[in-house]
Amino acid sequence: MEAWFNHKLKICKDSNQAPQDIPPFDFQKFVLVHQDISPRNMILDATGKVCLLDWAHAGAYPPAFERAAIVEQHRFPEFNEMILHVMPEYDVEVLQLQSIWYGLSVASLA
């Protein structure tokens, strides 16, 4: 997975679609990531605990992927800011993921 992401980053750098100083991906661990945390995917149970619904995009990913997904969601900006405030920051990793959009879309077959 890391090699694939670094390949996409190289495509973006070679096409001047990503800053040249973005470091390569270096995934240290994988965790269960929901990938779609938003109010529409939450309910309260009878005891008041929050339950996450709709695990269609979930999987084992580096922890920064959760933050990156929330950063890119624009439907609930106030909610997103509240969640991002309590999450660990992964500034470099989020920047890396944002930098490969060109390689994932326009140059997807490369």
N, C-alpha and C. Protein backbone atom coordinates (compact mmCIF):
# COMPACT_ATOMS: atom_id res chain seq x y z
N MET A 1 0.84 -1.19 0.00
CA MET A 1 0.00 0.00 0.00
C MET A 1 0.88 1.26 0.00
N GLU A 2 1.90 1.24 0.83
CA GLU A 2 2.80 2.39 0.90
C GLU A 2 3.45 2.67 -0.45
N ALA A 3 3.89 1.61 -1.12
CA ALA A 3 4.53 1.78 -2.44
C ALA A 3 3.56 2.40 -3.44
N TRP A 4 2.30 1.98 -3.41
CA TRP A 4 1.30 2.52 -4.33
C TRP A 4 1.08 4.01 -4.07
N PHE A 5 0.95 4.39 -2.80
CA PHE A 5 0.76 5.80 -2.46
C PHE A 5 1.98 6.62 -2.87
N ASN A 6 3.17 6.08 -2.65
CA ASN A 6 4.38 6.81 -3.05
C ASN A 6 4.48 6.92 -4.57
N HIS A 7 4.00 5.91 -5.29
CA HIS A 7 3.96 6.00 -6.76
C HIS A 7 3.04 7.15 -7.20
N LYS A 8 1.87 7.25 -6.58
CA LYS A 8 0.94 8.33 -6.91
C LYS A 8 1.54 9.69 -6.55
N LEU A 9 2.25 9.76 -5.44
CA LEU A 9 2.90 11.01 -5.05
C LEU A 9 3.96 11.39 -6.08
N LYS A 10 4.72 10.42 -6.56
CA LYS A 10 5.74 10.69 -7.57
C LYS A 10 5.11 11.22 -8.86
N ILE A 11 4.00 10.62 -9.28
CA ILE A 11 3.29 11.10 -10.47
C ILE A 11 2.90 12.57 -10.30
N CYS A 12 2.38 12.90 -9.13
CA CYS A 12 1.95 14.28 -8.88
C CYS A 12 3.13 15.23 -8.85
N LYS A 13 4.23 14.81 -8.26
CA LYS A 13 5.42 15.66 -8.24
C LYS A 13 5.98 15.83 -9.65
N ASP A 14 6.05 14.74 -10.41
CA ASP A 14 6.58 14.79 -11.77
C ASP A 14 5.72 15.66 -12.68
N SER A 15 4.44 15.78 -12.36
CA SER A 15 3.50 16.59 -13.16
C SER A 15 3.32 18.00 -12.58
N ASN A 16 4.13 18.33 -11.60
CA ASN A 16 4.03 19.62 -10.91
C ASN A 16 2.65 19.85 -10.30
N GLN A 17 2.04 18.78 -9.82
CA GLN A 17 0.73 18.87 -9.19
C GLN A 17 0.83 18.73 -7.67
N ALA A 18 2.05 18.54 -7.17
CA ALA A 18 2.30 18.45 -5.73
C ALA A 18 3.63 19.12 -5.44
N PRO A 19 3.75 19.74 -4.28
CA PRO A 19 5.04 20.35 -3.92
C PRO A 19 6.16 19.31 -3.90
N GLN A 20 7.32 19.69 -4.36
CA GLN A 20 8.45 18.77 -4.42
C GLN A 20 8.96 18.37 -3.04
N ASP A 21 8.68 19.18 -2.03
CA ASP A 21 9.21 18.88 -0.70
C ASP A 21 8.29 18.01 0.16
N ILE A 22 7.19 17.52 -0.40
CA ILE A 22 6.33 16.60 0.34
C ILE A 22 7.11 15.31 0.56
N PRO A 23 7.23 14.85 1.81
CA PRO A 23 7.99 13.62 2.05
C PRO A 23 7.22 12.39 1.57
N PRO A 24 7.92 11.28 1.33
CA PRO A 24 7.23 10.06 0.93
C PRO A 24 6.38 9.52 2.09
N PHE A 25 5.38 8.73 1.74
CA PHE A 25 4.55 8.07 2.74
C PHE A 25 5.40 7.06 3.50
N ASP A 26 5.15 6.95 4.80
CA ASP A 26 5.83 5.98 5.65
C ASP A 26 4.83 5.50 6.69
N PHE A 27 4.02 4.51 6.31
CA PHE A 27 2.96 4.02 7.18
C PHE A 27 3.56 3.16 8.29
N GLN A 28 3.39 3.60 9.54
CA GLN A 28 3.94 2.89 10.69
C GLN A 28 2.96 1.88 11.28
N LYS A 29 1.67 2.18 11.21
CA LYS A 29 0.68 1.27 11.77
C LYS A 29 -0.65 1.45 11.05
N PHE A 30 -1.51 0.46 11.20
CA PHE A 30 -2.84 0.48 10.63
C PHE A 30 -3.84 0.29 11.76
N VAL A 31 -4.95 1.00 11.67
CA VAL A 31 -6.01 0.92 12.67
C VAL A 31 -7.36 0.86 11.96
N LEU A 32 -8.40 0.52 12.69
CA LEU A 32 -9.75 0.54 12.12
C LEU A 32 -10.19 1.99 11.97
N VAL A 33 -10.50 2.38 10.75
CA VAL A 33 -10.88 3.75 10.42
C VAL A 33 -12.27 3.73 9.80
N HIS A 34 -13.16 4.61 10.27
CA HIS A 34 -14.54 4.67 9.78
C HIS A 34 -14.62 5.32 8.40
N GLN A 35 -13.93 6.42 8.20
CA GLN A 35 -13.84 7.15 6.94
C GLN A 35 -15.08 7.96 6.57
N ASP A 36 -16.08 8.03 7.42
CA ASP A 36 -17.27 8.83 7.11
C ASP A 36 -17.96 9.28 8.40
N ILE A 37 -17.18 9.79 9.34
CA ILE A 37 -17.75 10.27 10.60
C ILE A 37 -18.47 11.58 10.32
N SER A 38 -19.77 11.58 10.56
CA SER A 38 -20.59 12.78 10.39
C SER A 38 -21.89 12.58 11.17
N PRO A 39 -22.62 13.65 11.44
CA PRO A 39 -23.87 13.52 12.19
C PRO A 39 -24.86 12.53 11.58
N ARG A 40 -24.88 12.42 10.26
CA ARG A 40 -25.84 11.51 9.62
C ARG A 40 -25.52 10.04 9.90
N ASN A 41 -24.32 9.77 10.39
CA ASN A 41 -23.90 8.40 10.69
C ASN A 41 -23.77 8.13 12.18
N MET A 42 -24.50 8.89 12.98
CA MET A 42 -24.46 8.72 14.43
C MET A 42 -25.86 8.65 15.00
N ILE A 43 -26.01 7.79 16.00
CA ILE A 43 -27.25 7.74 16.78
C ILE A 43 -26.87 7.57 18.24
N LEU A 44 -27.81 7.91 19.11
CA LEU A 44 -27.63 7.67 20.53
C LEU A 44 -28.40 6.43 20.91
N ASP A 45 -27.76 5.56 21.71
CA ASP A 45 -28.50 4.39 22.17
C ASP A 45 -29.30 4.77 23.42
N ALA A 46 -29.97 3.81 24.02
CA ALA A 46 -30.85 4.07 25.16
C ALA A 46 -30.10 4.62 26.37
N THR A 47 -28.80 4.35 26.45
CA THR A 47 -28.02 4.83 27.59
C THR A 47 -27.30 6.15 27.30
N GLY A 48 -27.48 6.68 26.09
CA GLY A 48 -26.84 7.94 25.73
C GLY A 48 -25.49 7.81 25.07
N LYS A 49 -25.08 6.59 24.79
CA LYS A 49 -23.80 6.38 24.10
C LYS A 49 -23.97 6.63 22.60
N VAL A 50 -22.96 7.23 22.01
CA VAL A 50 -22.97 7.49 20.57
C VAL A 50 -22.56 6.21 19.84
N CYS A 51 -23.33 5.85 18.82
CA CYS A 51 -23.02 4.68 17.99
C CYS A 51 -22.80 5.16 16.56
N LEU A 52 -21.74 4.67 15.95
CA LEU A 52 -21.46 5.00 14.55
C LEU A 52 -22.15 4.01 13.63
N LEU A 53 -22.80 4.53 12.60
CA LEU A 53 -23.47 3.71 11.59
C LEU A 53 -22.73 3.81 10.27
N ASP A 54 -23.14 3.02 9.31
CA ASP A 54 -22.65 3.08 7.93
C ASP A 54 -21.14 2.92 7.85
N TRP A 55 -20.71 1.70 7.96
CA TRP A 55 -19.29 1.36 7.93
C TRP A 55 -18.83 0.97 6.53
N ALA A 56 -19.52 1.43 5.50
CA ALA A 56 -19.22 1.03 4.12
C ALA A 56 -17.82 1.43 3.67
N HIS A 57 -17.29 2.53 4.18
CA HIS A 57 -15.97 3.00 3.77
C HIS A 57 -14.87 2.63 4.76
N ALA A 58 -15.24 1.90 5.80
CA ALA A 58 -14.29 1.57 6.86
C ALA A 58 -13.26 0.55 6.39
N GLY A 59 -12.16 0.53 7.10
CA GLY A 59 -11.13 -0.45 6.80
C GLY A 59 -9.92 -0.23 7.68
N ALA A 60 -8.90 -1.03 7.46
CA ALA A 60 -7.64 -0.90 8.19
C ALA A 60 -6.74 0.04 7.39
N TYR A 61 -6.55 1.23 7.93
CA TYR A 61 -5.76 2.27 7.29
C TYR A 61 -4.86 2.94 8.33
N PRO A 62 -3.89 3.72 7.88
CA PRO A 62 -3.12 4.52 8.83
C PRO A 62 -4.06 5.50 9.55
N PRO A 63 -3.78 5.81 10.82
CA PRO A 63 -4.68 6.67 11.60
C PRO A 63 -4.97 8.02 10.96
N ALA A 64 -4.04 8.57 10.23
CA ALA A 64 -4.23 9.89 9.61
C ALA A 64 -5.35 9.90 8.59
N PHE A 65 -5.72 8.74 8.06
CA PHE A 65 -6.78 8.69 7.05
C PHE A 65 -8.11 9.19 7.60
N GLU A 66 -8.38 8.94 8.88
CA GLU A 66 -9.64 9.42 9.48
C GLU A 66 -9.67 10.94 9.49
N ARG A 67 -8.58 11.54 9.92
CA ARG A 67 -8.51 13.01 9.95
C ARG A 67 -8.62 13.58 8.54
N ALA A 68 -7.92 12.97 7.59
CA ALA A 68 -7.96 13.46 6.21
C ALA A 68 -9.38 13.39 5.65
N ALA A 69 -10.12 12.33 5.97
CA ALA A 69 -11.49 12.20 5.49
C ALA A 69 -12.37 13.32 6.05
N ILE A 70 -12.19 13.64 7.32
CA ILE A 70 -12.99 14.70 7.93
C ILE A 70 -12.61 16.06 7.36
N VAL A 71 -11.33 16.28 7.13
CA VAL A 71 -10.87 17.55 6.54
C VAL A 71 -11.53 17.77 5.18
N GLU A 72 -11.72 16.71 4.42
CA GLU A 72 -12.27 16.84 3.07
C GLU A 72 -13.80 16.88 3.03
N GLN A 73 -14.47 16.60 4.14
CA GLN A 73 -15.93 16.65 4.17
C GLN A 73 -16.37 18.09 4.41
N HIS A 74 -17.32 18.56 3.63
CA HIS A 74 -17.73 19.96 3.73
C HIS A 74 -19.20 20.13 4.07
N ARG A 75 -19.91 19.05 4.30
CA ARG A 75 -21.35 19.15 4.54
C ARG A 75 -21.69 19.66 5.95
N PHE A 76 -20.85 19.32 6.92
CA PHE A 76 -21.12 19.71 8.32
C PHE A 76 -19.89 20.41 8.90
N PRO A 77 -19.59 21.63 8.46
CA PRO A 77 -18.33 22.28 8.86
C PRO A 77 -18.17 22.49 10.37
N GLU A 78 -19.24 22.86 11.07
CA GLU A 78 -19.12 23.07 12.52
C GLU A 78 -18.83 21.76 13.23
N PHE A 79 -19.51 20.71 12.83
CA PHE A 79 -19.27 19.39 13.41
C PHE A 79 -17.84 18.94 13.13
N ASN A 80 -17.40 19.12 11.90
CA ASN A 80 -16.04 18.70 11.53
C ASN A 80 -15.00 19.42 12.38
N GLU A 81 -15.16 20.72 12.57
CA GLU A 81 -14.20 21.48 13.39
C GLU A 81 -14.18 20.95 14.82
N MET A 82 -15.35 20.62 15.35
CA MET A 82 -15.42 20.09 16.71
C MET A 82 -14.68 18.75 16.80
N ILE A 83 -14.88 17.88 15.83
CA ILE A 83 -14.22 16.58 15.84
C ILE A 83 -12.72 16.74 15.63
N LEU A 84 -12.32 17.57 14.69
CA LEU A 84 -10.89 17.76 14.42
C LEU A 84 -10.17 18.33 15.64
N HIS A 85 -10.87 19.11 16.44
CA HIS A 85 -10.27 19.71 17.63
C HIS A 85 -9.85 18.66 18.65
N VAL A 86 -10.54 17.53 18.70
CA VAL A 86 -10.23 16.49 19.70
C VAL A 86 -9.43 15.32 19.11
N MET A 87 -9.18 15.35 17.82
CA MET A 87 -8.41 14.27 17.18
C MET A 87 -6.92 14.62 17.17
N PRO A 88 -6.07 13.59 17.15
CA PRO A 88 -4.64 13.87 16.97
C PRO A 88 -4.40 14.54 15.62
N GLU A 89 -3.41 15.40 15.58
CA GLU A 89 -3.08 16.08 14.32
C GLU A 89 -2.07 15.25 13.54
N TYR A 90 -2.29 15.15 12.27
CA TYR A 90 -1.39 14.45 11.36
C TYR A 90 -1.14 15.37 10.17
N ASP A 91 -0.56 16.53 10.44
CA ASP A 91 -0.43 17.55 9.41
C ASP A 91 0.31 17.07 8.17
N VAL A 92 1.43 16.40 8.36
CA VAL A 92 2.22 15.93 7.21
C VAL A 92 1.44 14.89 6.42
N GLU A 93 0.83 13.94 7.12
CA GLU A 93 0.11 12.88 6.45
C GLU A 93 -1.11 13.41 5.69
N VAL A 94 -1.84 14.34 6.28
CA VAL A 94 -3.00 14.93 5.60
C VAL A 94 -2.53 15.69 4.37
N LEU A 95 -1.44 16.43 4.48
CA LEU A 95 -0.88 17.14 3.33
C LEU A 95 -0.46 16.16 2.23
N GLN A 96 0.13 15.04 2.63
CA GLN A 96 0.51 14.01 1.65
C GLN A 96 -0.73 13.52 0.89
N LEU A 97 -1.77 13.19 1.64
CA LEU A 97 -2.99 12.67 1.01
C LEU A 97 -3.63 13.71 0.11
N GLN A 98 -3.65 14.96 0.53
CA GLN A 98 -4.21 16.02 -0.31
C GLN A 98 -3.36 16.21 -1.57
N SER A 99 -2.08 15.93 -1.48
CA SER A 99 -1.17 16.15 -2.60
C SER A 99 -1.28 15.11 -3.70
N ILE A 100 -1.94 13.99 -3.44
CA ILE A 100 -2.02 12.95 -4.47
C ILE A 100 -3.35 12.92 -5.21
N TRP A 101 -4.22 13.91 -4.99
CA TRP A 101 -5.53 13.91 -5.67
C TRP A 101 -5.39 13.83 -7.18
N TYR A 102 -4.44 14.55 -7.73
CA TYR A 102 -4.23 14.50 -9.18
C TYR A 102 -3.90 13.07 -9.62
N GLY A 103 -3.05 12.41 -8.89
CA GLY A 103 -2.68 11.03 -9.23
C GLY A 103 -3.81 10.04 -9.05
N LEU A 104 -4.78 10.38 -8.22
CA LEU A 104 -5.93 9.49 -8.01
C LEU A 104 -7.05 9.74 -9.01
N SER A 105 -7.08 10.92 -9.59
CA SER A 105 -8.18 11.25 -10.49
C SER A 105 -7.72 11.33 -11.94
N VAL A 106 -7.07 12.38 -12.32
CA VAL A 106 -6.67 12.60 -13.71
C VAL A 106 -5.69 11.54 -14.18
N ALA A 107 -4.71 11.23 -13.35
CA ALA A 107 -3.68 10.26 -13.73
C ALA A 107 -3.93 8.91 -13.06
N SER A 108 -5.17 8.52 -12.94
CA SER A 108 -5.52 7.31 -12.18
C SER A 108 -4.97 6.03 -12.78
N LEU A 109 -4.71 5.98 -14.07
CA LEU A 109 -4.22 4.75 -14.69
C LEU A 109 -2.70 4.67 -14.71
N ALA A 110 -2.04 5.72 -14.29
CA ALA A 110 -0.57 5.73 -14.32
C ALA A 110 0.01 4.96 -13.16
